[in-house]
Amino acid sequence: MATISTIADDFDGSTPAETMTFTVSGKDYAIDLNEEHAQQLQAVISEFEEKMSPYVAKARPLGKSATAKATATRAPSYDAKAVREWAAQNNYEVSARGRISREVVEAYRNRKR
């Protein structure tokens, strides 16, 4: 059996209507509007865009990763497990996890010299 869906205007219930989407202050919205109401919304958006143009010209665009910008991290050039074991045997304080101080790493590298 087929289903027929009719989209009605969210203001007055008239049909046909179309779904329009927009974003305000980072929140996405969708509204079903007939042609008249869609034109009114488009006029409001156009006026807003015109008034915003000086700000848009100075603003920077945000990409998908702007909020959580990934930073490249370099893998250490040493075997952390070996450094920790050596440090423990040679009375250096190192934690079981996390970054190993430069002093300890340099001492480990200089151990054979």
PDB file of N, CA and C in Angstrom:
ATOM      1  N   MET A   1       0.843  -1.163   0.000  1.00  0.00           N
ATOM      2  CA  MET A   1       0.000   0.000   0.000  1.00  0.00           C
ATOM      3  C   MET A   1       0.893   1.233   0.000  1.00  0.00           C
ATOM      4  N   ALA A   2       0.565   2.222  -0.768  1.00  0.00           N
ATOM      5  CA  ALA A   2       1.330   3.458  -0.881  1.00  0.00           C
ATOM      6  C   ALA A   2       0.884   4.458   0.173  1.00  0.00           C
ATOM      7  N   THR A   3       1.825   5.274   0.603  1.00  0.00           N
ATOM      8  CA  THR A   3       1.522   6.339   1.555  1.00  0.00           C
ATOM      9  C   THR A   3       1.768   7.668   0.866  1.00  0.00           C
ATOM     10  N   ILE A   4       0.837   8.578   1.016  1.00  0.00           N
ATOM     11  CA  ILE A   4       0.982   9.916   0.454  1.00  0.00           C
ATOM     12  C   ILE A   4       1.193  10.879   1.605  1.00  0.00           C
ATOM     13  N   SER A   5       2.299  11.625   1.544  1.00  0.00           N
ATOM     14  CA  SER A   5       2.593  12.615   2.576  1.00  0.00           C
ATOM     15  C   SER A   5       2.378  14.000   2.004  1.00  0.00           C
ATOM     16  N   THR A   6       1.745  14.842   2.772  1.00  0.00           N
ATOM     17  CA  THR A   6       1.511  16.219   2.368  1.00  0.00           C
ATOM     18  C   THR A   6       2.184  17.129   3.379  1.00  0.00           C
ATOM     19  N   ILE A   7       2.983  18.052   2.876  1.00  0.00           N
ATOM     20  CA  ILE A   7       3.650  19.013   3.758  1.00  0.00           C
ATOM     21  C   ILE A   7       2.772  20.247   3.846  1.00  0.00           C
ATOM     22  N   ALA A   8       2.466  20.652   5.073  1.00  0.00           N
ATOM     23  CA  ALA A   8       1.610  21.819   5.297  1.00  0.00           C
ATOM     24  C   ALA A   8       2.430  22.949   5.896  1.00  0.00           C
ATOM     25  N   ASP A   9       2.067  24.169   5.558  1.00  0.00           N
ATOM     26  CA  ASP A   9       2.718  25.369   6.073  1.00  0.00           C
ATOM     27  C   ASP A   9       2.600  25.402   7.592  1.00  0.00           C
ATOM     28  N   ASP A  10       3.714  25.656   8.269  1.00  0.00           N
ATOM     29  CA  ASP A  10       3.711  25.679   9.733  1.00  0.00           C
ATOM     30  C   ASP A  10       2.966  26.879  10.311  1.00  0.00           C
ATOM     31  N   PHE A  11       2.735  27.918   9.505  1.00  0.00           N
ATOM     32  CA  PHE A  11       2.004  29.089  10.000  1.00  0.00           C
ATOM     33  C   PHE A  11       0.495  28.933   9.865  1.00  0.00           C
ATOM     34  N   ASP A  12       0.052  28.542   8.668  1.00  0.00           N
ATOM     35  CA  ASP A  12      -1.402  28.539   8.446  1.00  0.00           C
ATOM     36  C   ASP A  12      -1.961  27.201   7.974  1.00  0.00           C
ATOM     37  N   GLY A  13      -1.133  26.178   7.888  1.00  0.00           N
ATOM     38  CA  GLY A  13      -1.612  24.853   7.509  1.00  0.00           C
ATOM     39  C   GLY A  13      -1.902  24.679   6.028  1.00  0.00           C
ATOM     40  N   SER A  14      -1.634  25.690   5.220  1.00  0.00           N
ATOM     41  CA  SER A  14      -1.936  25.599   3.791  1.00  0.00           C
ATOM     42  C   SER A  14      -0.967  24.658   3.081  1.00  0.00           C
ATOM     43  N   THR A  15      -1.403  24.167   1.939  1.00  0.00           N
ATOM     44  CA  THR A  15      -0.584  23.300   1.099  1.00  0.00           C
ATOM     45  C   THR A  15      -0.607  23.846  -0.316  1.00  0.00           C
ATOM     46  N   PRO A  16       0.327  23.581  -1.162  1.00  0.00           N
ATOM     47  CA  PRO A  16       1.557  22.840  -0.866  1.00  0.00           C
ATOM     48  C   PRO A  16       2.559  23.724  -0.134  1.00  0.00           C
ATOM     49  N   ALA A  17       3.493  23.068   0.506  1.00  0.00           N
ATOM     50  CA  ALA A  17       4.543  23.780   1.229  1.00  0.00           C
ATOM     51  C   ALA A  17       5.865  23.075   0.973  1.00  0.00           C
ATOM     52  N   GLU A  18       6.940  23.773   1.246  1.00  0.00           N
ATOM     53  CA  GLU A  18       8.274  23.195   1.112  1.00  0.00           C
ATOM     54  C   GLU A  18       9.018  23.368   2.430  1.00  0.00           C
ATOM     55  N   THR A  19       9.941  22.468   2.684  1.00  0.00           N
ATOM     56  CA  THR A  19      10.740  22.555   3.899  1.00  0.00           C
ATOM     57  C   THR A  19      11.957  23.426   3.622  1.00  0.00           C
ATOM     58  N   MET A  20      12.133  24.442   4.443  1.00  0.00           N
ATOM     59  CA  MET A  20      13.292  25.330   4.331  1.00  0.00           C
ATOM     60  C   MET A  20      14.142  25.141   5.580  1.00  0.00           C
ATOM     61  N   THR A  21      15.438  25.177   5.412  1.00  0.00           N
ATOM     62  CA  THR A  21      16.349  25.042   6.549  1.00  0.00           C
ATOM     63  C   THR A  21      17.211  26.290   6.666  1.00  0.00           C
ATOM     64  N   PHE A  22      17.591  26.606   7.887  1.00  0.00           N
ATOM     65  CA  PHE A  22      18.470  27.744   8.135  1.00  0.00           C
ATOM     66  C   PHE A  22      19.148  27.539   9.476  1.00  0.00           C
ATOM     67  N   THR A  23      20.206  28.304   9.701  1.00  0.00           N
ATOM     68  CA  THR A  23      20.973  28.207  10.937  1.00  0.00           C
ATOM     69  C   THR A  23      21.059  29.579  11.579  1.00  0.00           C
ATOM     70  N   VAL A  24      20.793  29.635  12.873  1.00  0.00           N
ATOM     71  CA  VAL A  24      20.900  30.876  13.637  1.00  0.00           C
ATOM     72  C   VAL A  24      21.697  30.570  14.898  1.00  0.00           C
ATOM     73  N   SER A  25      22.754  31.320  15.107  1.00  0.00           N
ATOM     74  CA  SER A  25      23.605  31.162  16.293  1.00  0.00           C
ATOM     75  C   SER A  25      24.041  29.713  16.496  1.00  0.00           C
ATOM     76  N   GLY A  26      24.392  29.055  15.410  1.00  0.00           N
ATOM     77  CA  GLY A  26      24.902  27.698  15.489  1.00  0.00           C
ATOM     78  C   GLY A  26      23.854  26.617  15.632  1.00  0.00           C
ATOM     79  N   LYS A  27      22.581  26.974  15.644  1.00  0.00           N
ATOM     80  CA  LYS A  27      21.507  25.987  15.758  1.00  0.00           C
ATOM     81  C   LYS A  27      20.811  25.860  14.413  1.00  0.00           C
ATOM     82  N   ASP A  28      20.589  24.623  13.982  1.00  0.00           N
ATOM     83  CA  ASP A  28      19.925  24.361  12.710  1.00  0.00           C
ATOM     84  C   ASP A  28      18.417  24.266  12.919  1.00  0.00           C
ATOM     85  N   TYR A  29      17.681  24.848  11.985  1.00  0.00           N
ATOM     86  CA  TYR A  29      16.225  24.841  12.042  1.00  0.00           C
ATOM     87  C   TYR A  29      15.654  24.402  10.703  1.00  0.00           C
ATOM     88  N   ALA A  30      14.457  23.823  10.733  1.00  0.00           N
ATOM     89  CA  ALA A  30      13.711  23.483   9.520  1.00  0.00           C
ATOM     90  C   ALA A  30      12.278  23.947   9.734  1.00  0.00           C
ATOM     91  N   ILE A  31      11.686  24.501   8.691  1.00  0.00           N
ATOM     92  CA  ILE A  31      10.311  24.986   8.777  1.00  0.00           C
ATOM     93  C   ILE A  31       9.631  24.714   7.439  1.00  0.00           C
ATOM     94  N   ASP A  32       8.364  24.344   7.493  1.00  0.00           N
ATOM     95  CA  ASP A  32       7.585  24.094   6.286  1.00  0.00           C
ATOM     96  C   ASP A  32       6.788  25.348   5.963  1.00  0.00           C
ATOM     97  N   LEU A  33       6.997  25.869   4.749  1.00  0.00           N
ATOM     98  CA  LEU A  33       6.365  27.128   4.360  1.00  0.00           C
ATOM     99  C   LEU A  33       5.749  27.023   2.969  1.00  0.00           C
ATOM    100  N   ASN A  34       4.596  27.717   2.799  1.00  0.00           N
ATOM    101  CA  ASN A  34       4.035  27.826   1.453  1.00  0.00           C
ATOM    102  C   ASN A  34       4.864  28.850   0.685  1.00  0.00           C
ATOM    103  N   GLU A  35       4.545  29.064  -0.571  1.00  0.00           N
ATOM    104  CA  GLU A  35       5.364  29.942  -1.410  1.00  0.00           C
ATOM    105  C   GLU A  35       5.431  31.364  -0.863  1.00  0.00           C
ATOM    106  N   GLU A  36       4.315  31.890  -0.396  1.00  0.00           N
ATOM    107  CA  GLU A  36       4.290  33.263   0.126  1.00  0.00           C
ATOM    108  C   GLU A  36       5.183  33.402   1.362  1.00  0.00           C
ATOM    109  N   HIS A  37       5.022  32.483   2.307  1.00  0.00           N
ATOM    110  CA  HIS A  37       5.830  32.542   3.528  1.00  0.00           C
ATOM    111  C   HIS A  37       7.307  32.258   3.236  1.00  0.00           C
ATOM    112  N   ALA A  38       7.588  31.402   2.265  1.00  0.00           N
ATOM    113  CA  ALA A  38       8.973  31.125   1.880  1.00  0.00           C
ATOM    114  C   ALA A  38       9.624  32.383   1.318  1.00  0.00           C
ATOM    115  N   GLN A  39       8.889  33.138   0.515  1.00  0.00           N
ATOM    116  CA  GLN A  39       9.414  34.394  -0.029  1.00  0.00           C
ATOM    117  C   GLN A  39       9.654  35.408   1.083  1.00  0.00           C
ATOM    118  N   GLN A  40       8.761  35.443   2.074  1.00  0.00           N
ATOM    119  CA  GLN A  40       8.940  36.362   3.201  1.00  0.00           C
ATOM    120  C   GLN A  40      10.200  36.003   3.997  1.00  0.00           C
ATOM    121  N   LEU A  41      10.381  34.710   4.244  1.00  0.00           N
ATOM    122  CA  LEU A  41      11.578  34.277   4.966  1.00  0.00           C
ATOM    123  C   LEU A  41      12.835  34.602   4.161  1.00  0.00           C
ATOM    124  N   GLN A  42      12.788  34.371   2.863  1.00  0.00           N
ATOM    125  CA  GLN A  42      13.942  34.671   2.021  1.00  0.00           C
ATOM    126  C   GLN A  42      14.262  36.161   2.042  1.00  0.00           C
ATOM    127  N   ALA A  43      13.231  37.012   2.089  1.00  0.00           N
ATOM    128  CA  ALA A  43      13.444  38.464   2.160  1.00  0.00           C
ATOM    129  C   ALA A  43      14.132  38.839   3.470  1.00  0.00           C
ATOM    130  N   VAL A  44      13.707  38.216   4.569  1.00  0.00           N
ATOM    131  CA  VAL A  44      14.326  38.476   5.871  1.00  0.00           C
ATOM    132  C   VAL A  44      15.791  38.036   5.848  1.00  0.00           C
ATOM    133  N   ILE A  45      16.038  36.863   5.285  1.00  0.00           N
ATOM    134  CA  ILE A  45      17.410  36.355   5.211  1.00  0.00           C
ATOM    135  C   ILE A  45      18.272  37.268   4.344  1.00  0.00           C
ATOM    136  N   SER A  46      17.738  37.713   3.217  1.00  0.00           N
ATOM    137  CA  SER A  46      18.492  38.604   2.326  1.00  0.00           C
ATOM    138  C   SER A  46      18.833  39.917   3.015  1.00  0.00           C
ATOM    139  N   GLU A  47      17.872  40.467   3.757  1.00  0.00           N
ATOM    140  CA  GLU A  47      18.111  41.719   4.494  1.00  0.00           C
ATOM    141  C   GLU A  47      19.187  41.504   5.560  1.00  0.00           C
ATOM    142  N   PHE A  48      19.087  40.387   6.250  1.00  0.00           N
ATOM    143  CA  PHE A  48      20.072  40.051   7.271  1.00  0.00           C
ATOM    144  C   PHE A  48      21.462  39.913   6.649  1.00  0.00           C
ATOM    145  N   GLU A  49      21.554  39.190   5.527  1.00  0.00           N
ATOM    146  CA  GLU A  49      22.842  39.005   4.862  1.00  0.00           C
ATOM    147  C   GLU A  49      23.436  40.344   4.435  1.00  0.00           C
ATOM    148  N   GLU A  50      22.588  41.243   3.959  1.00  0.00           N
ATOM    149  CA  GLU A  50      23.059  42.567   3.545  1.00  0.00           C
ATOM    150  C   GLU A  50      23.622  43.337   4.736  1.00  0.00           C
ATOM    151  N   LYS A  51      22.912  43.296   5.862  1.00  0.00           N
ATOM    152  CA  LYS A  51      23.373  44.010   7.057  1.00  0.00           C
ATOM    153  C   LYS A  51      24.615  43.356   7.666  1.00  0.00           C
ATOM    154  N   MET A  52      24.771  42.070   7.443  1.00  0.00           N
ATOM    155  CA  MET A  52      25.915  41.345   7.995  1.00  0.00           C
ATOM    156  C   MET A  52      27.164  41.458   7.133  1.00  0.00           C
ATOM    157  N   SER A  53      27.042  41.948   5.906  1.00  0.00           N
ATOM    158  CA  SER A  53      28.172  41.924   4.973  1.00  0.00           C
ATOM    159  C   SER A  53      29.444  42.580   5.511  1.00  0.00           C
ATOM    160  N   PRO A  54      29.388  43.712   6.251  1.00  0.00           N
ATOM    161  CA  PRO A  54      30.640  44.261   6.785  1.00  0.00           C
ATOM    162  C   PRO A  54      31.312  43.316   7.789  1.00  0.00           C
ATOM    163  N   TYR A  55      30.491  42.596   8.546  1.00  0.00           N
ATOM    164  CA  TYR A  55      31.033  41.665   9.535  1.00  0.00           C
ATOM    165  C   TYR A  55      31.589  40.417   8.853  1.00  0.00           C
ATOM    166  N   VAL A  56      30.869  39.943   7.845  1.00  0.00           N
ATOM    167  CA  VAL A  56      31.312  38.762   7.106  1.00  0.00           C
ATOM    168  C   VAL A  56      32.645  39.038   6.421  1.00  0.00           C
ATOM    169  N   ALA A  57      32.811  40.262   5.911  1.00  0.00           N
ATOM    170  CA  ALA A  57      34.058  40.625   5.233  1.00  0.00           C
ATOM    171  C   ALA A  57      35.254  40.548   6.185  1.00  0.00           C
ATOM    172  N   LYS A  58      35.047  40.815   7.461  1.00  0.00           N
ATOM    173  CA  LYS A  58      36.133  40.800   8.446  1.00  0.00           C
ATOM    174  C   LYS A  58      36.290  39.449   9.143  1.00  0.00           C
ATOM    175  N   ALA A  59      35.256  38.630   9.074  1.00  0.00           N
ATOM    176  CA  ALA A  59      35.267  37.355   9.801  1.00  0.00           C
ATOM    177  C   ALA A  59      36.070  36.305   9.048  1.00  0.00           C
ATOM    178  N   ARG A  60      36.427  35.257   9.748  1.00  0.00           N
ATOM    179  CA  ARG A  60      37.131  34.141   9.119  1.00  0.00           C
ATOM    180  C   ARG A  60      36.162  32.967   8.990  1.00  0.00           C
ATOM    181  N   PRO A  61      36.191  32.284   7.863  1.00  0.00           N
ATOM    182  CA  PRO A  61      35.296  31.136   7.695  1.00  0.00           C
ATOM    183  C   PRO A  61      35.761  29.979   8.565  1.00  0.00           C
ATOM    184  N   LEU A  62      34.819  29.227   9.047  1.00  0.00           N
ATOM    185  CA  LEU A  62      35.133  28.061   9.854  1.00  0.00           C
ATOM    186  C   LEU A  62      34.950  26.809   9.017  1.00  0.00           C
ATOM    187  N   GLY A  63      35.933  25.927   9.076  1.00  0.00           N
ATOM    188  CA  GLY A  63      35.810  24.642   8.402  1.00  0.00           C
ATOM    189  C   GLY A  63      35.208  23.637   9.358  1.00  0.00           C
ATOM    190  N   LYS A  64      35.081  22.430   8.917  1.00  0.00           N
ATOM    191  CA  LYS A  64      34.504  21.388   9.755  1.00  0.00           C
ATOM    192  C   LYS A  64      35.349  21.110  10.986  1.00  0.00           C
ATOM    193  N   SER A  65      36.649  21.305  10.865  1.00  0.00           N
ATOM    194  CA  SER A  65      37.518  20.987  11.987  1.00  0.00           C
ATOM    195  C   SER A  65      37.891  22.198  12.822  1.00  0.00           C
ATOM    196  N   ALA A  66      37.228  23.312  12.609  1.00  0.00           N
ATOM    197  CA  ALA A  66      37.614  24.528  13.320  1.00  0.00           C
ATOM    198  C   ALA A  66      37.394  24.423  14.817  1.00  0.00           C
ATOM    199  N   THR A  67      36.349  23.743  15.239  1.00  0.00           N
ATOM    200  CA  THR A  67      36.090  23.658  16.664  1.00  0.00           C
ATOM    201  C   THR A  67      36.994  22.665  17.364  1.00  0.00           C
ATOM    202  N   ALA A  68      37.444  21.677  16.647  1.00  0.00           N
ATOM    203  CA  ALA A  68      38.331  20.682  17.227  1.00  0.00           C
ATOM    204  C   ALA A  68      39.508  20.480  16.297  1.00  0.00           C
ATOM    205  N   LYS A  69      40.316  21.472  16.210  1.00  0.00           N
ATOM    206  CA  LYS A  69      41.427  21.448  15.272  1.00  0.00           C
ATOM    207  C   LYS A  69      42.442  20.390  15.700  1.00  0.00           C
ATOM    208  N   ALA A  70      42.725  19.504  14.793  1.00  0.00           N
ATOM    209  CA  ALA A  70      43.673  18.432  15.077  1.00  0.00           C
ATOM    210  C   ALA A  70      45.093  18.962  14.937  1.00  0.00           C
ATOM    211  N   THR A  71      45.924  18.572  15.850  1.00  0.00           N
ATOM    212  CA  THR A  71      47.323  18.953  15.753  1.00  0.00           C
ATOM    213  C   THR A  71      48.144  17.688  15.546  1.00  0.00           C
ATOM    214  N   ALA A  72      49.089  17.790  14.680  1.00  0.00           N
ATOM    215  CA  ALA A  72      49.941  16.636  14.407  1.00  0.00           C
ATOM    216  C   ALA A  72      50.897  16.449  15.574  1.00  0.00           C
ATOM    217  N   THR A  73      51.001  15.246  16.031  1.00  0.00           N
ATOM    218  CA  THR A  73      51.951  14.952  17.095  1.00  0.00           C
ATOM    219  C   THR A  73      52.999  14.012  16.532  1.00  0.00           C
ATOM    220  N   ARG A  74      54.196  14.241  16.937  1.00  0.00           N
ATOM    221  CA  ARG A  74      55.309  13.442  16.460  1.00  0.00           C
ATOM    222  C   ARG A  74      55.548  12.313  17.447  1.00  0.00           C
ATOM    223  N   ALA A  75      55.750  11.142  16.923  1.00  0.00           N
ATOM    224  CA  ALA A  75      56.068  10.007  17.784  1.00  0.00           C
ATOM    225  C   ALA A  75      57.459  10.227  18.371  1.00  0.00           C
ATOM    226  N   PRO A  76      57.661   9.841  19.613  1.00  0.00           N
ATOM    227  CA  PRO A  76      58.977  10.042  20.210  1.00  0.00           C
ATOM    228  C   PRO A  76      60.030   9.230  19.458  1.00  0.00           C
ATOM    229  N   SER A  77      61.244   9.741  19.455  1.00  0.00           N
ATOM    230  CA  SER A  77      62.342   9.076  18.747  1.00  0.00           C
ATOM    231  C   SER A  77      63.081   8.108  19.672  1.00  0.00           C
ATOM    232  N   TYR A  78      62.389   7.604  20.662  1.00  0.00           N
ATOM    233  CA  TYR A  78      62.987   6.675  21.600  1.00  0.00           C
ATOM    234  C   TYR A  78      61.935   5.667  22.031  1.00  0.00           C
ATOM    235  N   ASP A  79      62.393   4.571  22.594  1.00  0.00           N
ATOM    236  CA  ASP A  79      61.503   3.527  23.094  1.00  0.00           C
ATOM    237  C   ASP A  79      61.133   3.891  24.536  1.00  0.00           C
ATOM    238  N   ALA A  80      59.921   4.378  24.713  1.00  0.00           N
ATOM    239  CA  ALA A  80      59.497   4.877  26.024  1.00  0.00           C
ATOM    240  C   ALA A  80      59.592   3.800  27.101  1.00  0.00           C
ATOM    241  N   LYS A  81      59.230   2.584  26.755  1.00  0.00           N
ATOM    242  CA  LYS A  81      59.280   1.503  27.743  1.00  0.00           C
ATOM    243  C   LYS A  81      60.719   1.270  28.206  1.00  0.00           C
ATOM    244  N   ALA A  82      61.640   1.245  27.257  1.00  0.00           N
ATOM    245  CA  ALA A  82      63.051   1.033  27.595  1.00  0.00           C
ATOM    246  C   ALA A  82      63.590   2.193  28.429  1.00  0.00           C
ATOM    247  N   VAL A  83      63.205   3.413  28.076  1.00  0.00           N
ATOM    248  CA  VAL A  83      63.656   4.587  28.832  1.00  0.00           C
ATOM    249  C   VAL A  83      63.134   4.515  30.258  1.00  0.00           C
ATOM    250  N   ARG A  84      61.862   4.169  30.430  1.00  0.00           N
ATOM    251  CA  ARG A  84      61.277   4.075  31.779  1.00  0.00           C
ATOM    252  C   ARG A  84      61.994   3.012  32.620  1.00  0.00           C
ATOM    253  N   GLU A  85      62.253   1.851  32.021  1.00  0.00           N
ATOM    254  CA  GLU A  85      62.945   0.782  32.751  1.00  0.00           C
ATOM    255  C   GLU A  85      64.347   1.225  33.158  1.00  0.00           C
ATOM    256  N   TRP A  86      65.066   1.833  32.204  1.00  0.00           N
ATOM    257  CA  TRP A  86      66.415   2.313  32.501  1.00  0.00           C
ATOM    258  C   TRP A  86      66.373   3.385  33.587  1.00  0.00           C
ATOM    259  N   ALA A  87      65.417   4.314  33.476  1.00  0.00           N
ATOM    260  CA  ALA A  87      65.310   5.408  34.449  1.00  0.00           C
ATOM    261  C   ALA A  87      65.040   4.870  35.850  1.00  0.00           C
ATOM    262  N   ALA A  88      64.160   3.884  35.955  1.00  0.00           N
ATOM    263  CA  ALA A  88      63.848   3.307  37.265  1.00  0.00           C
ATOM    264  C   ALA A  88      65.081   2.636  37.875  1.00  0.00           C
ATOM    265  N   GLN A  89      65.876   1.980  37.050  1.00  0.00           N
ATOM    266  CA  GLN A  89      67.087   1.301  37.530  1.00  0.00           C
ATOM    267  C   GLN A  89      68.197   2.285  37.899  1.00  0.00           C
ATOM    268  N   ASN A  90      68.084   3.513  37.389  1.00  0.00           N
ATOM    269  CA  ASN A  90      69.136   4.507  37.618  1.00  0.00           C
ATOM    270  C   ASN A  90      68.659   5.691  38.459  1.00  0.00           C
ATOM    271  N   ASN A  91      67.666   5.455  39.272  1.00  0.00           N
ATOM    272  CA  ASN A  91      67.160   6.417  40.252  1.00  0.00           C
ATOM    273  C   ASN A  91      66.605   7.713  39.667  1.00  0.00           C
ATOM    274  N   TYR A  92      66.023   7.635  38.494  1.00  0.00           N
ATOM    275  CA  TYR A  92      65.288   8.770  37.929  1.00  0.00           C
ATOM    276  C   TYR A  92      63.812   8.538  38.209  1.00  0.00           C
ATOM    277  N   GLU A  93      63.112   9.611  38.523  1.00  0.00           N
ATOM    278  CA  GLU A  93      61.671   9.497  38.743  1.00  0.00           C
ATOM    279  C   GLU A  93      60.933   9.716  37.430  1.00  0.00           C
ATOM    280  N   VAL A  94      60.185   8.697  37.019  1.00  0.00           N
ATOM    281  CA  VAL A  94      59.349   8.811  35.818  1.00  0.00           C
ATOM    282  C   VAL A  94      58.000   8.170  36.124  1.00  0.00           C
ATOM    283  N   SER A  95      56.963   8.741  35.554  1.00  0.00           N
ATOM    284  CA  SER A  95      55.634   8.168  35.757  1.00  0.00           C
ATOM    285  C   SER A  95      55.450   6.974  34.833  1.00  0.00           C
ATOM    286  N   ALA A  96      54.469   6.162  35.134  1.00  0.00           N
ATOM    287  CA  ALA A  96      54.195   4.975  34.325  1.00  0.00           C
ATOM    288  C   ALA A  96      53.613   5.341  32.966  1.00  0.00           C
ATOM    289  N   ARG A  97      53.029   6.525  32.880  1.00  0.00           N
ATOM    290  CA  ARG A  97      52.423   6.979  31.624  1.00  0.00           C
ATOM    291  C   ARG A  97      52.763   8.443  31.408  1.00  0.00           C
ATOM    292  N   GLY A  98      52.556   8.886  30.182  1.00  0.00           N
ATOM    293  CA  GLY A  98      52.752  10.299  29.887  1.00  0.00           C
ATOM    294  C   GLY A  98      54.137  10.611  29.347  1.00  0.00           C
ATOM    295  N   ARG A  99      54.387  11.894  29.276  1.00  0.00           N
ATOM    296  CA  ARG A  99      55.625  12.399  28.698  1.00  0.00           C
ATOM    297  C   ARG A  99      56.800  12.132  29.634  1.00  0.00           C
ATOM    298  N   ILE A 100      57.914  11.792  29.029  1.00  0.00           N
ATOM    299  CA  ILE A 100      59.152  11.592  29.786  1.00  0.00           C
ATOM    300  C   ILE A 100      59.980  12.856  29.620  1.00  0.00           C
ATOM    301  N   SER A 101      60.524  13.359  30.712  1.00  0.00           N
ATOM    302  CA  SER A 101      61.260  14.626  30.657  1.00  0.00           C
ATOM    303  C   SER A 101      62.467  14.525  29.727  1.00  0.00           C
ATOM    304  N   ARG A 102      62.830  15.664  29.171  1.00  0.00           N
ATOM    305  CA  ARG A 102      63.981  15.747  28.263  1.00  0.00           C
ATOM    306  C   ARG A 102      65.255  15.310  28.988  1.00  0.00           C
ATOM    307  N   GLU A 103      65.366  15.700  30.252  1.00  0.00           N
ATOM    308  CA  GLU A 103      66.551  15.349  31.041  1.00  0.00           C
ATOM    309  C   GLU A 103      66.739  13.832  31.104  1.00  0.00           C
ATOM    310  N   VAL A 104      65.665  13.106  31.360  1.00  0.00           N
ATOM    311  CA  VAL A 104      65.746  11.646  31.462  1.00  0.00           C
ATOM    312  C   VAL A 104      66.073  11.032  30.104  1.00  0.00           C
ATOM    313  N   VAL A 105      65.425  11.516  29.056  1.00  0.00           N
ATOM    314  CA  VAL A 105      65.675  10.985  27.709  1.00  0.00           C
ATOM    315  C   VAL A 105      67.124  11.230  27.302  1.00  0.00           C
ATOM    316  N   GLU A 106      67.654  12.424  27.582  1.00  0.00           N
ATOM    317  CA  GLU A 106      69.046  12.724  27.235  1.00  0.00           C
ATOM    318  C   GLU A 106      70.013  11.852  28.033  1.00  0.00           C
ATOM    319  N   ALA A 107      69.698  11.647  29.304  1.00  0.00           N
ATOM    320  CA  ALA A 107      70.553  10.777  30.123  1.00  0.00           C
ATOM    321  C   ALA A 107      70.531   9.355  29.569  1.00  0.00           C
ATOM    322  N   TYR A 108      69.381   8.882  29.155  1.00  0.00           N
ATOM    323  CA  TYR A 108      69.253   7.549  28.561  1.00  0.00           C
ATOM    324  C   TYR A 108      70.090   7.455  27.283  1.00  0.00           C
ATOM    325  N   ARG A 109      69.999   8.472  26.443  1.00  0.00           N
ATOM    326  CA  ARG A 109      70.751   8.464  25.179  1.00  0.00           C
ATOM    327  C   ARG A 109      72.265   8.530  25.425  1.00  0.00           C
ATOM    328  N   ASN A 110      72.669   9.221  26.489  1.00  0.00           N
ATOM    329  CA  ASN A 110      74.097   9.386  26.790  1.00  0.00           C
ATOM    330  C   ASN A 110      74.665   8.257  27.644  1.00  0.00           C
ATOM    331  N   ARG A 111      73.875   7.283  28.000  1.00  0.00           N
ATOM    332  CA  ARG A 111      74.296   6.231  28.925  1.00  0.00           C
ATOM    333  C   ARG A 111      75.459   5.401  28.406  1.00  0.00           C
ATOM    334  N   LYS A 112      75.604   5.281  27.089  1.00  0.00           N
ATOM    335  CA  LYS A 112      76.649   4.432  26.504  1.00  0.00           C
ATOM    336  C   LYS A 112      77.893   5.218  26.131  1.00  0.00           C
ATOM    337  N   ARG A 113      77.839   6.512  26.272  1.00  0.00           N
ATOM    338  CA  ARG A 113      78.977   7.351  25.846  1.00  0.00           C
ATOM    339  C   ARG A 113      80.041   7.448  26.891  1.00  0.00           C
TER     340      ARG A 113
END
